[in-house]
Amino acid sequence: MSDETTTIEELKSKVKAFSEERDWQPYHSLKNLSMALSVEASELLEHFQWVEGKEAQALLDDEAKRTAIEEELADVVIYCLQFANGAEIDLATAIRRKMEINAQKYPIDKAKGSSNKYSEL
C-alpha cells in the first residue's frame, strides 16, 4: 500500500474491518472518536513541543523519532477515517468542497506568502 495506489475508500474499509473484527463499534461513538482524534493529534504535537524550524525537521531525520511521528500521524488519520465511517461522510467530497471554500477565503493574489488569517488579508 502506498499513497499513490491506495484510495480513501480502501483505507476506510480497512479501518472499519479492523474495528469490526474486534467488536469496537460500541465504543466508537462520534463523540468518542472526536475525543480520541484530539488526543492523538496532541500526541503528534508533543513530538514538536519546544522545537523550531530545523530542529523539527531534524526529528524526521532520526529513524526512531520519525517512526514514532509516523505512528502518531497514522493514529490521527485512522480516527479521521473512523469518524468519517461513523458519520457517513465522503471525505473526498468534503475535502474538495473545503478546498474550494479555502480558495475563495485565501485568493492567491492576497494570500501568497502570508500566514495571515483570511479576515486579515
C-alpha atoms as a PDB file:
ATOM      1  CA  MET A   1       0.000   0.000   0.000  1.00  0.00           C
ATOM      2  CA  SER A   2       1.188   3.491  -0.822  1.00  0.00           C
ATOM      3  CA  ASP A   3      -0.385   6.908  -1.216  1.00  0.00           C
ATOM      4  CA  GLU A   4      -0.080   6.546  -4.977  1.00  0.00           C
ATOM      5  CA  THR A   5      -2.016   3.295  -5.181  1.00  0.00           C
ATOM      6  CA  THR A   6      -4.453   3.354  -2.262  1.00  0.00           C
ATOM      7  CA  THR A   7      -7.834   5.061  -2.286  1.00  0.00           C
ATOM      8  CA  ILE A   8      -9.504   6.718   0.673  1.00  0.00           C
ATOM      9  CA  GLU A   9     -12.275   4.121   0.377  1.00  0.00           C
ATOM     10  CA  GLU A  10      -9.749   1.298   0.720  1.00  0.00           C
ATOM     11  CA  LEU A  11      -8.356   2.879   3.876  1.00  0.00           C
ATOM     12  CA  LYS A  12     -11.845   3.460   5.293  1.00  0.00           C
ATOM     13  CA  SER A  13     -12.714  -0.188   4.616  1.00  0.00           C
ATOM     14  CA  LYS A  14      -9.543  -1.476   6.296  1.00  0.00           C
ATOM     15  CA  VAL A  15     -10.119   0.680   9.372  1.00  0.00           C
ATOM     16  CA  LYS A  16     -13.777  -0.396   9.546  1.00  0.00           C
ATOM     17  CA  ALA A  17     -12.884  -4.085   9.217  1.00  0.00           C
ATOM     18  CA  PHE A  18     -10.202  -3.791  11.917  1.00  0.00           C
ATOM     19  CA  SER A  19     -12.727  -2.254  14.308  1.00  0.00           C
ATOM     20  CA  GLU A  20     -15.490  -4.737  13.455  1.00  0.00           C
ATOM     21  CA  GLU A  21     -13.167  -7.735  13.937  1.00  0.00           C
ATOM     22  CA  ARG A  22     -12.585  -6.535  17.491  1.00  0.00           C
ATOM     23  CA  ASP A  23     -16.217  -5.569  18.129  1.00  0.00           C
ATOM     24  CA  TRP A  24     -15.217  -1.997  18.971  1.00  0.00           C
ATOM     25  CA  GLN A  25     -18.264  -0.326  17.398  1.00  0.00           C
ATOM     26  CA  PRO A  26     -19.982   0.196  20.797  1.00  0.00           C
ATOM     27  CA  TYR A  27     -17.043   2.382  21.851  1.00  0.00           C
ATOM     28  CA  HIS A  28     -16.792   4.315  18.598  1.00  0.00           C
ATOM     29  CA  SER A  29     -19.498   6.907  19.018  1.00  0.00           C
ATOM     30  CA  LEU A  30     -18.858  10.147  17.149  1.00  0.00           C
ATOM     31  CA  LYS A  31     -18.153  11.854  20.475  1.00  0.00           C
ATOM     32  CA  ASN A  32     -15.598   9.221  21.485  1.00  0.00           C
ATOM     33  CA  LEU A  33     -13.955   9.224  18.069  1.00  0.00           C
ATOM     34  CA  SER A  34     -13.660  13.021  18.037  1.00  0.00           C
ATOM     35  CA  MET A  35     -12.131  12.924  21.520  1.00  0.00           C
ATOM     36  CA  ALA A  36      -9.696  10.172  20.514  1.00  0.00           C
ATOM     37  CA  LEU A  37      -8.753  12.187  17.435  1.00  0.00           C
ATOM     38  CA  SER A  38      -7.925  15.175  19.642  1.00  0.00           C
ATOM     39  CA  VAL A  39      -5.811  13.004  21.948  1.00  0.00           C
ATOM     40  CA  GLU A  40      -3.853  11.516  19.053  1.00  0.00           C
ATOM     41  CA  ALA A  41      -3.316  14.950  17.487  1.00  0.00           C
ATOM     42  CA  SER A  42      -1.937  16.113  20.832  1.00  0.00           C
ATOM     43  CA  GLU A  43       0.410  13.136  20.924  1.00  0.00           C
ATOM     44  CA  LEU A  44       1.677  14.140  17.482  1.00  0.00           C
ATOM     45  CA  LEU A  45       2.156  17.720  18.691  1.00  0.00           C
ATOM     46  CA  GLU A  46       4.117  16.502  21.681  1.00  0.00           C
ATOM     47  CA  HIS A  47       6.990  15.431  19.407  1.00  0.00           C
ATOM     48  CA  PHE A  48       7.389  19.017  18.210  1.00  0.00           C
ATOM     49  CA  GLN A  49       6.881  20.799  21.514  1.00  0.00           C
ATOM     50  CA  TRP A  50       9.709  23.218  22.261  1.00  0.00           C
ATOM     51  CA  VAL A  51      11.480  22.773  18.913  1.00  0.00           C
ATOM     52  CA  GLU A  52      11.515  25.112  15.937  1.00  0.00           C
ATOM     53  CA  GLY A  53      12.367  25.021  12.232  1.00  0.00           C
ATOM     54  CA  LYS A  54      15.476  22.966  11.611  1.00  0.00           C
ATOM     55  CA  GLU A  55      15.164  21.142  14.932  1.00  0.00           C
ATOM     56  CA  ALA A  56      11.689  19.965  13.956  1.00  0.00           C
ATOM     57  CA  GLN A  57      12.954  18.786  10.583  1.00  0.00           C
ATOM     58  CA  ALA A  58      15.859  17.014  12.292  1.00  0.00           C
ATOM     59  CA  LEU A  59      13.380  14.895  14.232  1.00  0.00           C
ATOM     60  CA  LEU A  60      12.359  13.335  10.940  1.00  0.00           C
ATOM     61  CA  ASP A  61      15.980  12.518  10.136  1.00  0.00           C
ATOM     62  CA  ASP A  62      16.230  10.337  13.253  1.00  0.00           C
ATOM     63  CA  GLU A  63      14.816   6.932  12.285  1.00  0.00           C
ATOM     64  CA  ALA A  64      13.301   6.081  15.678  1.00  0.00           C
ATOM     65  CA  LYS A  65      11.746   9.522  16.107  1.00  0.00           C
ATOM     66  CA  ARG A  66      10.438   9.502  12.533  1.00  0.00           C
ATOM     67  CA  THR A  67       8.786   6.124  13.134  1.00  0.00           C
ATOM     68  CA  ALA A  68       7.119   7.412  16.307  1.00  0.00           C
ATOM     69  CA  ILE A  69       5.896  10.528  14.466  1.00  0.00           C
ATOM     70  CA  GLU A  70       4.581   8.423  11.569  1.00  0.00           C
ATOM     71  CA  GLU A  71       2.684   6.222  14.030  1.00  0.00           C
ATOM     72  CA  GLU A  72       1.052   9.224  15.711  1.00  0.00           C
ATOM     73  CA  LEU A  73       0.098  10.705  12.345  1.00  0.00           C
ATOM     74  CA  ALA A  74      -1.338   7.335  11.325  1.00  0.00           C
ATOM     75  CA  ASP A  75      -3.411   7.271  14.525  1.00  0.00           C
ATOM     76  CA  VAL A  76      -4.794  10.725  13.691  1.00  0.00           C
ATOM     77  CA  VAL A  77      -5.752   9.644  10.177  1.00  0.00           C
ATOM     78  CA  ILE A  78      -7.215   6.350  11.397  1.00  0.00           C
ATOM     79  CA  TYR A  79      -9.532   8.194  13.783  1.00  0.00           C
ATOM     80  CA  CYS A  80     -10.474  10.621  10.991  1.00  0.00           C
ATOM     81  CA  LEU A  81     -11.377   7.649   8.803  1.00  0.00           C
ATOM     82  CA  GLN A  82     -13.330   6.007  11.646  1.00  0.00           C
ATOM     83  CA  PHE A  83     -15.213   9.260  12.226  1.00  0.00           C
ATOM     84  CA  ALA A  84     -15.980   9.541   8.504  1.00  0.00           C
ATOM     85  CA  ASN A  85     -17.250   5.959   8.532  1.00  0.00           C
ATOM     86  CA  GLY A  86     -19.442   6.573  11.564  1.00  0.00           C
ATOM     87  CA  ALA A  87     -20.818   9.857  10.254  1.00  0.00           C
ATOM     88  CA  GLU A  88     -21.153   8.550   6.691  1.00  0.00           C
ATOM     89  CA  ILE A  89     -19.005  11.379   5.345  1.00  0.00           C
ATOM     90  CA  ASP A  90     -17.459  11.072   1.900  1.00  0.00           C
ATOM     91  CA  LEU A  91     -14.027  12.502   2.649  1.00  0.00           C
ATOM     92  CA  ALA A  92     -13.056  13.227  -0.942  1.00  0.00           C
ATOM     93  CA  THR A  93     -16.215  15.299  -1.400  1.00  0.00           C
ATOM     94  CA  ALA A  94     -15.762  17.067   1.940  1.00  0.00           C
ATOM     95  CA  ILE A  95     -12.106  17.858   1.222  1.00  0.00           C
ATOM     96  CA  ARG A  96     -12.828  19.067  -2.301  1.00  0.00           C
ATOM     97  CA  ARG A  97     -15.639  21.302  -1.034  1.00  0.00           C
ATOM     98  CA  LYS A  98     -13.476  22.705   1.782  1.00  0.00           C
ATOM     99  CA  MET A  99     -10.607  23.412  -0.624  1.00  0.00           C
ATOM    100  CA  GLU A 100     -12.998  25.383  -2.831  1.00  0.00           C
ATOM    101  CA  ILE A 101     -14.101  27.415   0.207  1.00  0.00           C
ATOM    102  CA  ASN A 102     -10.469  27.958   1.210  1.00  0.00           C
ATOM    103  CA  ALA A 103      -9.584  29.097  -2.317  1.00  0.00           C
ATOM    104  CA  GLN A 104     -12.194  31.844  -2.019  1.00  0.00           C
ATOM    105  CA  LYS A 105     -11.108  32.808   1.504  1.00  0.00           C
ATOM    106  CA  TYR A 106      -7.431  32.806   0.541  1.00  0.00           C
ATOM    107  CA  PRO A 107      -7.099  34.135  -3.024  1.00  0.00           C
ATOM    108  CA  ILE A 108      -3.580  33.667  -4.368  1.00  0.00           C
ATOM    109  CA  ASP A 109      -3.022  37.359  -5.006  1.00  0.00           C
ATOM    110  CA  LYS A 110      -3.714  38.182  -1.343  1.00  0.00           C
ATOM    111  CA  ALA A 111      -2.597  35.060   0.494  1.00  0.00           C
ATOM    112  CA  LYS A 112       0.598  34.084  -1.311  1.00  0.00           C
ATOM    113  CA  GLY A 113       3.500  34.212   1.124  1.00  0.00           C
ATOM    114  CA  SER A 114       1.277  35.312   4.014  1.00  0.00           C
ATOM    115  CA  SER A 115       0.332  33.418   7.152  1.00  0.00           C
ATOM    116  CA  ASN A 116      -2.472  35.852   7.968  1.00  0.00           C
ATOM    117  CA  LYS A 117      -5.996  34.620   8.544  1.00  0.00           C
ATOM    118  CA  TYR A 118      -8.390  35.328   5.677  1.00  0.00           C
ATOM    119  CA  SER A 119     -10.050  38.112   7.670  1.00  0.00           C
ATOM    120  CA  GLU A 120      -6.696  39.911   7.864  1.00  0.00           C
ATOM    121  CA  LEU A 121      -5.654  39.696   4.202  1.00  0.00           C
END
